[in-house]
Amino acid sequence: MFIVPITPMEKMDFSKVENVKTAAEATEGGFASLLDNAIDEFKKADTLSDIDGNALSIGNADDLAQIQINLLKAETMLQTTVQITSRAVNAYKEIMSIQV
């Protein structure tokens, strides 16, 4: 029986992260721009999952794990979008029902 020795992990350097924004930078353009960016990201993820699904259906898929990850990202983004929409509509209805 052959036992593979454990190799040490490389130290991760998080100082090289480039596309991370602070909360103030993310909401700089207001809620509308934040929502537009989220919808654009959802559209990209949905398109990528559609492409992966088509590749899987015709047998051109090499990395099944990445296909599943892309699908779950798109599904999670869709659920988040639906929740944000329903909460925004509920908040609007509540504001409109306030007596002035």
PDB file of N, CA and C in Angstrom:
ATOM      1  N   MET A   1       0.845  -1.168   0.000  1.00  0.00           N
ATOM      2  CA  MET A   1       0.000   0.000   0.000  1.00  0.00           C
ATOM      3  C   MET A   1       0.893   1.234   0.000  1.00  0.00           C
ATOM      4  N   PHE A   2       0.603   2.149  -0.914  1.00  0.00           N
ATOM      5  CA  PHE A   2       1.416   3.351  -1.067  1.00  0.00           C
ATOM      6  C   PHE A   2       0.670   4.537  -0.470  1.00  0.00           C
ATOM      7  N   ILE A   3       1.329   5.268   0.427  1.00  0.00           N
ATOM      8  CA  ILE A   3       0.727   6.440   1.066  1.00  0.00           C
ATOM      9  C   ILE A   3       1.400   7.684   0.509  1.00  0.00           C
ATOM     10  N   VAL A   4       0.592   8.591   0.003  1.00  0.00           N
ATOM     11  CA  VAL A   4       1.101   9.838  -0.567  1.00  0.00           C
ATOM     12  C   VAL A   4       1.378  10.807   0.580  1.00  0.00           C
ATOM     13  N   PRO A   5       2.582  11.378   0.637  1.00  0.00           N
ATOM     14  CA  PRO A   5       2.873  12.309   1.725  1.00  0.00           C
ATOM     15  C   PRO A   5       2.077  13.610   1.573  1.00  0.00           C
ATOM     16  N   ILE A   6       1.786  14.215   2.699  1.00  0.00           N
ATOM     17  CA  ILE A   6       1.048  15.474   2.709  1.00  0.00           C
ATOM     18  C   ILE A   6       2.017  16.602   2.400  1.00  0.00           C
ATOM     19  N   THR A   7       1.660  17.413   1.404  1.00  0.00           N
ATOM     20  CA  THR A   7       2.506  18.551   1.061  1.00  0.00           C
ATOM     21  C   THR A   7       1.922  19.809   1.677  1.00  0.00           C
ATOM     22  N   PRO A   8       2.762  20.705   2.136  1.00  0.00           N
ATOM     23  CA  PRO A   8       2.231  21.929   2.756  1.00  0.00           C
ATOM     24  C   PRO A   8       1.556  22.821   1.720  1.00  0.00           C
ATOM     25  N   MET A   9       0.542  23.545   2.177  1.00  0.00           N
ATOM     26  CA  MET A   9      -0.175  24.460   1.301  1.00  0.00           C
ATOM     27  C   MET A   9       0.623  25.748   1.150  1.00  0.00           C
ATOM     28  N   GLU A  10       0.482  26.368  -0.008  1.00  0.00           N
ATOM     29  CA  GLU A  10       1.142  27.647  -0.230  1.00  0.00           C
ATOM     30  C   GLU A  10       0.387  28.733   0.516  1.00  0.00           C
ATOM     31  N   LYS A  11       1.131  29.710   1.009  1.00  0.00           N
ATOM     32  CA  LYS A  11       0.519  30.812   1.723  1.00  0.00           C
ATOM     33  C   LYS A  11      -0.252  31.677   0.727  1.00  0.00           C
ATOM     34  N   MET A  12      -1.485  32.029   1.088  1.00  0.00           N
ATOM     35  CA  MET A  12      -2.329  32.823   0.199  1.00  0.00           C
ATOM     36  C   MET A  12      -2.081  34.302   0.456  1.00  0.00           C
ATOM     37  N   ASP A  13      -1.973  35.053  -0.637  1.00  0.00           N
ATOM     38  CA  ASP A  13      -1.735  36.489  -0.538  1.00  0.00           C
ATOM     39  C   ASP A  13      -2.976  37.209  -1.042  1.00  0.00           C
ATOM     40  N   PHE A  14      -3.737  37.807  -0.121  1.00  0.00           N
ATOM     41  CA  PHE A  14      -4.975  38.476  -0.487  1.00  0.00           C
ATOM     42  C   PHE A  14      -4.768  39.945  -0.825  1.00  0.00           C
ATOM     43  N   SER A  15      -3.554  40.420  -0.777  1.00  0.00           N
ATOM     44  CA  SER A  15      -3.313  41.828  -1.077  1.00  0.00           C
ATOM     45  C   SER A  15      -3.369  42.112  -2.575  1.00  0.00           C
ATOM     46  N   LYS A  16      -3.409  41.082  -3.405  1.00  0.00           N
ATOM     47  CA  LYS A  16      -3.421  41.257  -4.852  1.00  0.00           C
ATOM     48  C   LYS A  16      -4.833  41.336  -5.427  1.00  0.00           C
ATOM     49  N   VAL A  17      -5.851  41.301  -4.588  1.00  0.00           N
ATOM     50  CA  VAL A  17      -7.231  41.350  -5.051  1.00  0.00           C
ATOM     51  C   VAL A  17      -7.496  42.729  -5.639  1.00  0.00           C
ATOM     52  N   GLU A  18      -8.026  42.751  -6.877  1.00  0.00           N
ATOM     53  CA  GLU A  18      -8.168  44.014  -7.593  1.00  0.00           C
ATOM     54  C   GLU A  18      -9.609  44.497  -7.701  1.00  0.00           C
ATOM     55  N   ASN A  19     -10.560  43.610  -7.868  1.00  0.00           N
ATOM     56  CA  ASN A  19     -11.921  44.019  -8.180  1.00  0.00           C
ATOM     57  C   ASN A  19     -12.831  44.120  -6.957  1.00  0.00           C
ATOM     58  N   VAL A  20     -12.278  44.276  -5.781  1.00  0.00           N
ATOM     59  CA  VAL A  20     -13.084  44.374  -4.578  1.00  0.00           C
ATOM     60  C   VAL A  20     -13.385  45.841  -4.291  1.00  0.00           C
ATOM     61  N   LYS A  21     -14.654  46.138  -4.056  1.00  0.00           N
ATOM     62  CA  LYS A  21     -15.066  47.504  -3.771  1.00  0.00           C
ATOM     63  C   LYS A  21     -15.550  47.587  -2.328  1.00  0.00           C
ATOM     64  N   THR A  22     -15.366  48.731  -1.727  1.00  0.00           N
ATOM     65  CA  THR A  22     -15.926  48.951  -0.403  1.00  0.00           C
ATOM     66  C   THR A  22     -17.411  49.244  -0.544  1.00  0.00           C
ATOM     67  N   ALA A  23     -18.122  49.269   0.562  1.00  0.00           N
ATOM     68  CA  ALA A  23     -19.562  49.522   0.510  1.00  0.00           C
ATOM     69  C   ALA A  23     -19.848  50.914  -0.038  1.00  0.00           C
ATOM     70  N   ALA A  24     -19.018  51.899   0.324  1.00  0.00           N
ATOM     71  CA  ALA A  24     -19.231  53.259  -0.167  1.00  0.00           C
ATOM     72  C   ALA A  24     -19.004  53.343  -1.674  1.00  0.00           C
ATOM     73  N   GLU A  25     -18.009  52.630  -2.177  1.00  0.00           N
ATOM     74  CA  GLU A  25     -17.741  52.645  -3.617  1.00  0.00           C
ATOM     75  C   GLU A  25     -18.834  51.904  -4.380  1.00  0.00           C
ATOM     76  N   ALA A  26     -19.371  50.839  -3.800  1.00  0.00           N
ATOM     77  CA  ALA A  26     -20.390  50.047  -4.486  1.00  0.00           C
ATOM     78  C   ALA A  26     -21.694  50.807  -4.623  1.00  0.00           C
ATOM     79  N   THR A  27     -22.037  51.619  -3.634  1.00  0.00           N
ATOM     80  CA  THR A  27     -23.301  52.357  -3.679  1.00  0.00           C
ATOM     81  C   THR A  27     -23.110  53.799  -4.099  1.00  0.00           C
ATOM     82  N   GLU A  28     -21.992  54.106  -4.713  1.00  0.00           N
ATOM     83  CA  GLU A  28     -21.673  55.479  -5.104  1.00  0.00           C
ATOM     84  C   GLU A  28     -22.710  56.047  -6.057  1.00  0.00           C
ATOM     85  N   GLY A  29     -23.197  55.247  -6.988  1.00  0.00           N
ATOM     86  CA  GLY A  29     -24.167  55.730  -7.963  1.00  0.00           C
ATOM     87  C   GLY A  29     -25.596  55.626  -7.474  1.00  0.00           C
ATOM     88  N   GLY A  30     -25.821  55.138  -6.287  1.00  0.00           N
ATOM     89  CA  GLY A  30     -27.163  54.999  -5.750  1.00  0.00           C
ATOM     90  C   GLY A  30     -27.698  53.588  -5.917  1.00  0.00           C
ATOM     91  N   PHE A  31     -28.917  53.418  -5.436  1.00  0.00           N
ATOM     92  CA  PHE A  31     -29.542  52.102  -5.459  1.00  0.00           C
ATOM     93  C   PHE A  31     -29.822  51.630  -6.877  1.00  0.00           C
ATOM     94  N   ALA A  32     -30.198  52.552  -7.751  1.00  0.00           N
ATOM     95  CA  ALA A  32     -30.533  52.184  -9.134  1.00  0.00           C
ATOM     96  C   ALA A  32     -29.327  51.598  -9.857  1.00  0.00           C
ATOM     97  N   SER A  33     -28.154  52.210  -9.697  1.00  0.00           N
ATOM     98  CA  SER A  33     -26.963  51.676 -10.366  1.00  0.00           C
ATOM     99  C   SER A  33     -26.542  50.347  -9.751  1.00  0.00           C
ATOM    100  N   LEU A  34     -26.728  50.206  -8.449  1.00  0.00           N
ATOM    101  CA  LEU A  34     -26.410  48.943  -7.782  1.00  0.00           C
ATOM    102  C   LEU A  34     -27.313  47.833  -8.311  1.00  0.00           C
ATOM    103  N   LEU A  35     -28.590  48.145  -8.473  1.00  0.00           N
ATOM    104  CA  LEU A  35     -29.535  47.164  -9.002  1.00  0.00           C
ATOM    105  C   LEU A  35     -29.234  46.842 -10.461  1.00  0.00           C
ATOM    106  N   ASP A  36     -28.885  47.850 -11.258  1.00  0.00           N
ATOM    107  CA  ASP A  36     -28.520  47.613 -12.656  1.00  0.00           C
ATOM    108  C   ASP A  36     -27.296  46.704 -12.767  1.00  0.00           C
ATOM    109  N   ASN A  37     -26.297  46.940 -11.924  1.00  0.00           N
ATOM    110  CA  ASN A  37     -25.101  46.094 -11.938  1.00  0.00           C
ATOM    111  C   ASN A  37     -25.436  44.662 -11.544  1.00  0.00           C
ATOM    112  N   ALA A  38     -26.310  44.493 -10.564  1.00  0.00           N
ATOM    113  CA  ALA A  38     -26.699  43.151 -10.135  1.00  0.00           C
ATOM    114  C   ALA A  38     -27.452  42.425 -11.249  1.00  0.00           C
ATOM    115  N   ILE A  39     -28.318  43.147 -11.953  1.00  0.00           N
ATOM    116  CA  ILE A  39     -29.065  42.525 -13.053  1.00  0.00           C
ATOM    117  C   ILE A  39     -28.132  42.153 -14.192  1.00  0.00           C
ATOM    118  N   ASP A  40     -27.145  43.004 -14.484  1.00  0.00           N
ATOM    119  CA  ASP A  40     -26.162  42.681 -15.524  1.00  0.00           C
ATOM    120  C   ASP A  40     -25.360  41.432 -15.162  1.00  0.00           C
ATOM    121  N   GLU A  41     -24.955  41.327 -13.902  1.00  0.00           N
ATOM    122  CA  GLU A  41     -24.213  40.147 -13.453  1.00  0.00           C
ATOM    123  C   GLU A  41     -25.082  38.891 -13.554  1.00  0.00           C
ATOM    124  N   PHE A  42     -26.376  39.023 -13.226  1.00  0.00           N
ATOM    125  CA  PHE A  42     -27.283  37.887 -13.356  1.00  0.00           C
ATOM    126  C   PHE A  42     -27.415  37.453 -14.807  1.00  0.00           C
ATOM    127  N   LYS A  43     -27.544  38.420 -15.711  1.00  0.00           N
ATOM    128  CA  LYS A  43     -27.663  38.083 -17.133  1.00  0.00           C
ATOM    129  C   LYS A  43     -26.431  37.345 -17.637  1.00  0.00           C
ATOM    130  N   LYS A  44     -25.233  37.793 -17.199  1.00  0.00           N
ATOM    131  CA  LYS A  44     -23.996  37.118 -17.596  1.00  0.00           C
ATOM    132  C   LYS A  44     -23.950  35.689 -17.063  1.00  0.00           C
ATOM    133  N   ALA A  45     -24.325  35.522 -15.791  1.00  0.00           N
ATOM    134  CA  ALA A  45     -24.299  34.187 -15.192  1.00  0.00           C
ATOM    135  C   ALA A  45     -25.325  33.269 -15.843  1.00  0.00           C
ATOM    136  N   ASP A  46     -26.499  33.812 -16.176  1.00  0.00           N
ATOM    137  CA  ASP A  46     -27.536  33.022 -16.820  1.00  0.00           C
ATOM    138  C   ASP A  46     -27.101  32.589 -18.216  1.00  0.00           C
ATOM    139  N   THR A  47     -26.486  33.501 -18.957  1.00  0.00           N
ATOM    140  CA  THR A  47     -25.993  33.172 -20.295  1.00  0.00           C
ATOM    141  C   THR A  47     -24.921  32.094 -20.223  1.00  0.00           C
ATOM    142  N   LEU A  48     -24.012  32.222 -19.254  1.00  0.00           N
ATOM    143  CA  LEU A  48     -22.953  31.234 -19.088  1.00  0.00           C
ATOM    144  C   LEU A  48     -23.524  29.870 -18.729  1.00  0.00           C
ATOM    145  N   SER A  49     -24.538  29.826 -17.866  1.00  0.00           N
ATOM    146  CA  SER A  49     -25.133  28.539 -17.507  1.00  0.00           C
ATOM    147  C   SER A  49     -25.886  27.936 -18.698  1.00  0.00           C
ATOM    148  N   ASP A  50     -26.500  28.788 -19.535  1.00  0.00           N
ATOM    149  CA  ASP A  50     -27.158  28.279 -20.744  1.00  0.00           C
ATOM    150  C   ASP A  50     -26.143  27.669 -21.709  1.00  0.00           C
ATOM    151  N   ILE A  51     -25.017  28.346 -21.883  1.00  0.00           N
ATOM    152  CA  ILE A  51     -23.962  27.833 -22.768  1.00  0.00           C
ATOM    153  C   ILE A  51     -23.432  26.503 -22.234  1.00  0.00           C
ATOM    154  N   ASP A  52     -23.212  26.446 -20.917  1.00  0.00           N
ATOM    155  CA  ASP A  52     -22.729  25.205 -20.306  1.00  0.00           C
ATOM    156  C   ASP A  52     -23.749  24.085 -20.458  1.00  0.00           C
ATOM    157  N   GLY A  53     -25.043  24.401 -20.287  1.00  0.00           N
ATOM    158  CA  GLY A  53     -26.085  23.392 -20.435  1.00  0.00           C
ATOM    159  C   GLY A  53     -26.151  22.853 -21.852  1.00  0.00           C
ATOM    160  N   ASN A  54     -26.004  23.741 -22.828  1.00  0.00           N
ATOM    161  CA  ASN A  54     -26.000  23.291 -24.224  1.00  0.00           C
ATOM    162  C   ASN A  54     -24.781  22.421 -24.519  1.00  0.00           C
ATOM    163  N   ALA A  55     -23.626  22.812 -23.995  1.00  0.00           N
ATOM    164  CA  ALA A  55     -22.416  22.018 -24.206  1.00  0.00           C
ATOM    165  C   ALA A  55     -22.554  20.645 -23.556  1.00  0.00           C
ATOM    166  N   LEU A  56     -23.179  20.597 -22.385  1.00  0.00           N
ATOM    167  CA  LEU A  56     -23.374  19.321 -21.700  1.00  0.00           C
ATOM    168  C   LEU A  56     -24.348  18.436 -22.460  1.00  0.00           C
ATOM    169  N   SER A  57     -25.389  19.034 -23.029  1.00  0.00           N
ATOM    170  CA  SER A  57     -26.399  18.239 -23.726  1.00  0.00           C
ATOM    171  C   SER A  57     -25.880  17.621 -25.022  1.00  0.00           C
ATOM    172  N   ILE A  58     -24.912  18.272 -25.668  1.00  0.00           N
ATOM    173  CA  ILE A  58     -24.383  17.689 -26.904  1.00  0.00           C
ATOM    174  C   ILE A  58     -23.092  16.909 -26.674  1.00  0.00           C
ATOM    175  N   GLY A  59     -22.642  16.853 -25.421  1.00  0.00           N
ATOM    176  CA  GLY A  59     -21.486  16.022 -25.088  1.00  0.00           C
ATOM    177  C   GLY A  59     -20.147  16.717 -25.201  1.00  0.00           C
ATOM    178  N   ASN A  60     -20.111  18.031 -25.238  1.00  0.00           N
ATOM    179  CA  ASN A  60     -18.849  18.766 -25.336  1.00  0.00           C
ATOM    180  C   ASN A  60     -18.370  19.289 -23.988  1.00  0.00           C
ATOM    181  N   ALA A  61     -18.848  18.724 -22.905  1.00  0.00           N
ATOM    182  CA  ALA A  61     -18.494  19.215 -21.575  1.00  0.00           C
ATOM    183  C   ALA A  61     -17.281  18.455 -21.044  1.00  0.00           C
ATOM    184  N   ASP A  62     -16.309  19.203 -20.556  1.00  0.00           N
ATOM    185  CA  ASP A  62     -15.125  18.590 -19.976  1.00  0.00           C
ATOM    186  C   ASP A  62     -15.128  18.674 -18.456  1.00  0.00           C
ATOM    187  N   ASP A  63     -15.568  19.788 -17.920  1.00  0.00           N
ATOM    188  CA  ASP A  63     -15.500  20.034 -16.485  1.00  0.00           C
ATOM    189  C   ASP A  63     -16.910  20.113 -15.908  1.00  0.00           C
ATOM    190  N   LEU A  64     -17.420  18.986 -15.429  1.00  0.00           N
ATOM    191  CA  LEU A  64     -18.781  18.946 -14.910  1.00  0.00           C
ATOM    192  C   LEU A  64     -18.926  19.753 -13.627  1.00  0.00           C
ATOM    193  N   ALA A  65     -17.879  19.808 -12.830  1.00  0.00           N
ATOM    194  CA  ALA A  65     -17.944  20.570 -11.581  1.00  0.00           C
ATOM    195  C   ALA A  65     -18.143  22.051 -11.870  1.00  0.00           C
ATOM    196  N   GLN A  66     -17.420  22.575 -12.857  1.00  0.00           N
ATOM    197  CA  GLN A  66     -17.553  23.995 -13.193  1.00  0.00           C
ATOM    198  C   GLN A  66     -18.933  24.297 -13.775  1.00  0.00           C
ATOM    199  N   ILE A  67     -19.488  23.369 -14.530  1.00  0.00           N
ATOM    200  CA  ILE A  67     -20.837  23.542 -15.071  1.00  0.00           C
ATOM    201  C   ILE A  67     -21.846  23.621 -13.936  1.00  0.00           C
ATOM    202  N   GLN A  68     -21.707  22.744 -12.943  1.00  0.00           N
ATOM    203  CA  GLN A  68     -22.620  22.764 -11.810  1.00  0.00           C
ATOM    204  C   GLN A  68     -22.459  24.050 -10.994  1.00  0.00           C
ATOM    205  N   ILE A  69     -21.238  24.509 -10.816  1.00  0.00           N
ATOM    206  CA  ILE A  69     -21.000  25.757 -10.089  1.00  0.00           C
ATOM    207  C   ILE A  69     -21.647  26.932 -10.813  1.00  0.00           C
ATOM    208  N   ASN A  70     -21.485  26.996 -12.142  1.00  0.00           N
ATOM    209  CA  ASN A  70     -22.094  28.082 -12.913  1.00  0.00           C
ATOM    210  C   ASN A  70     -23.619  28.043 -12.829  1.00  0.00           C
ATOM    211  N   LEU A  71     -24.185  26.849 -12.854  1.00  0.00           N
ATOM    212  CA  LEU A  71     -25.627  26.698 -12.745  1.00  0.00           C
ATOM    213  C   LEU A  71     -26.122  27.154 -11.378  1.00  0.00           C
ATOM    214  N   LEU A  72     -25.421  26.771 -10.330  1.00  0.00           N
ATOM    215  CA  LEU A  72     -25.828  27.166  -8.987  1.00  0.00           C
ATOM    216  C   LEU A  72     -25.663  28.669  -8.761  1.00  0.00           C
ATOM    217  N   LYS A  73     -24.634  29.271  -9.372  1.00  0.00           N
ATOM    218  CA  LYS A  73     -24.482  30.728  -9.278  1.00  0.00           C
ATOM    219  C   LYS A  73     -25.677  31.429  -9.913  1.00  0.00           C
ATOM    220  N   ALA A  74     -26.065  30.988 -11.094  1.00  0.00           N
ATOM    221  CA  ALA A  74     -27.196  31.611 -11.787  1.00  0.00           C
ATOM    222  C   ALA A  74     -28.486  31.414 -10.990  1.00  0.00           C
ATOM    223  N   GLU A  75     -28.667  30.229 -10.425  1.00  0.00           N
ATOM    224  CA  GLU A  75     -29.871  29.956  -9.641  1.00  0.00           C
ATOM    225  C   GLU A  75     -29.925  30.825  -8.387  1.00  0.00           C
ATOM    226  N   THR A  76     -28.784  30.969  -7.721  1.00  0.00           N
ATOM    227  CA  THR A  76     -28.729  31.802  -6.522  1.00  0.00           C
ATOM    228  C   THR A  76     -28.971  33.265  -6.855  1.00  0.00           C
ATOM    229  N   MET A  77     -28.411  33.738  -7.962  1.00  0.00           N
ATOM    230  CA  MET A  77     -28.633  35.121  -8.374  1.00  0.00           C
ATOM    231  C   MET A  77     -30.097  35.361  -8.713  1.00  0.00           C
ATOM    232  N   LEU A  78     -30.747  34.392  -9.333  1.00  0.00           N
ATOM    233  CA  LEU A  78     -32.167  34.523  -9.657  1.00  0.00           C
ATOM    234  C   LEU A  78     -33.005  34.591  -8.386  1.00  0.00           C
ATOM    235  N   GLN A  79     -32.718  33.713  -7.433  1.00  0.00           N
ATOM    236  CA  GLN A  79     -33.461  33.734  -6.175  1.00  0.00           C
ATOM    237  C   GLN A  79     -33.260  35.053  -5.436  1.00  0.00           C
ATOM    238  N   THR A  80     -32.031  35.573  -5.452  1.00  0.00           N
ATOM    239  CA  THR A  80     -31.753  36.855  -4.806  1.00  0.00           C
ATOM    240  C   THR A  80     -32.515  37.980  -5.490  1.00  0.00           C
ATOM    241  N   THR A  81     -32.539  37.964  -6.815  1.00  0.00           N
ATOM    242  CA  THR A  81     -33.259  38.993  -7.570  1.00  0.00           C
ATOM    243  C   THR A  81     -34.752  38.959  -7.254  1.00  0.00           C
ATOM    244  N   VAL A  82     -35.325  37.782  -7.173  1.00  0.00           N
ATOM    245  CA  VAL A  82     -36.748  37.647  -6.860  1.00  0.00           C
ATOM    246  C   VAL A  82     -37.023  38.160  -5.448  1.00  0.00           C
ATOM    247  N   GLN A  83     -36.167  37.825  -4.499  1.00  0.00           N
ATOM    248  CA  GLN A  83     -36.358  38.287  -3.126  1.00  0.00           C
ATOM    249  C   GLN A  83     -36.256  39.808  -3.025  1.00  0.00           C
ATOM    250  N   ILE A  84     -35.268  40.391  -3.699  1.00  0.00           N
ATOM    251  CA  ILE A  84     -35.111  41.850  -3.667  1.00  0.00           C
ATOM    252  C   ILE A  84     -36.321  42.528  -4.287  1.00  0.00           C
ATOM    253  N   THR A  85     -36.794  41.975  -5.393  1.00  0.00           N
ATOM    254  CA  THR A  85     -37.967  42.549  -6.056  1.00  0.00           C
ATOM    255  C   THR A  85     -39.195  42.489  -5.160  1.00  0.00           C
ATOM    256  N   SER A  86     -39.441  41.347  -4.556  1.00  0.00           N
ATOM    257  CA  SER A  86     -40.630  41.220  -3.709  1.00  0.00           C
ATOM    258  C   SER A  86     -40.535  42.114  -2.480  1.00  0.00           C
ATOM    259  N   ARG A  87     -39.340  42.253  -1.913  1.00  0.00           N
ATOM    260  CA  ARG A  87     -39.188  43.124  -0.745  1.00  0.00           C
ATOM    261  C   ARG A  87     -39.339  44.594  -1.131  1.00  0.00           C
ATOM    262  N   ALA A  88     -38.857  44.967  -2.303  1.00  0.00           N
ATOM    263  CA  ALA A  88     -39.023  46.352  -2.759  1.00  0.00           C
ATOM    264  C   ALA A  88     -40.494  46.659  -3.006  1.00  0.00           C
ATOM    265  N   VAL A  89     -41.228  45.738  -3.597  1.00  0.00           N
ATOM    266  CA  VAL A  89     -42.659  45.939  -3.840  1.00  0.00           C
ATOM    267  C   VAL A  89     -43.406  46.023  -2.515  1.00  0.00           C
ATOM    268  N   ASN A  90     -43.068  45.161  -1.562  1.00  0.00           N
ATOM    269  CA  ASN A  90     -43.724  45.208  -0.254  1.00  0.00           C
ATOM    270  C   ASN A  90     -43.428  46.522   0.465  1.00  0.00           C
ATOM    271  N   ALA A  91     -42.202  47.006   0.368  1.00  0.00           N
ATOM    272  CA  ALA A  91     -41.850  48.289   0.987  1.00  0.00           C
ATOM    273  C   ALA A  91     -42.621  49.424   0.323  1.00  0.00           C
ATOM    274  N   TYR A  92     -42.754  49.378  -0.994  1.00  0.00           N
ATOM    275  CA  TYR A  92     -43.509  50.402  -1.716  1.00  0.00           C
ATOM    276  C   TYR A  92     -44.972  50.395  -1.280  1.00  0.00           C
ATOM    277  N   LYS A  93     -45.565  49.205  -1.177  1.00  0.00           N
ATOM    278  CA  LYS A  93     -46.971  49.104  -0.758  1.00  0.00           C
ATOM    279  C   LYS A  93     -47.152  49.642   0.659  1.00  0.00           C
ATOM    280  N   GLU A  94     -46.194  49.344   1.516  1.00  0.00           N
ATOM    281  CA  GLU A  94     -46.285  49.820   2.893  1.00  0.00           C
ATOM    282  C   GLU A  94     -46.182  51.335   2.958  1.00  0.00           C
ATOM    283  N   ILE A  95     -45.275  51.904   2.179  1.00  0.00           N
ATOM    284  CA  ILE A  95     -45.131  53.366   2.154  1.00  0.00           C
ATOM    285  C   ILE A  95     -46.382  54.021   1.601  1.00  0.00           C
ATOM    286  N   MET A  96     -46.971  53.432   0.566  1.00  0.00           N
ATOM    287  CA  MET A  96     -48.167  54.003  -0.037  1.00  0.00           C
ATOM    288  C   MET A  96     -49.398  53.909   0.893  1.00  0.00           C
ATOM    289  N   SER A  97     -49.386  52.974   1.830  1.00  0.00           N
ATOM    290  CA  SER A  97     -50.521  52.839   2.722  1.00  0.00           C
ATOM    291  C   SER A  97     -50.435  53.763   3.946  1.00  0.00           C
ATOM    292  N   ILE A  98     -49.349  54.493   4.089  1.00  0.00           N
ATOM    293  CA  ILE A  98     -49.199  55.406   5.210  1.00  0.00           C
ATOM    294  C   ILE A  98     -50.121  56.600   5.005  1.00  0.00           C
ATOM    295  N   GLN A  99     -50.858  56.953   6.052  1.00  0.00           N
ATOM    296  CA  GLN A  99     -51.752  58.107   6.001  1.00  0.00           C
ATOM    297  C   GLN A  99     -50.960  59.380   6.233  1.00  0.00           C
ATOM    298  N   VAL A 100     -51.179  60.374   5.380  1.00  0.00           N
ATOM    299  CA  VAL A 100     -50.462  61.646   5.508  1.00  0.00           C
ATOM    300  C   VAL A 100     -51.374  62.698   6.091  1.00  0.00           C
TER     301      VAL A 100
END
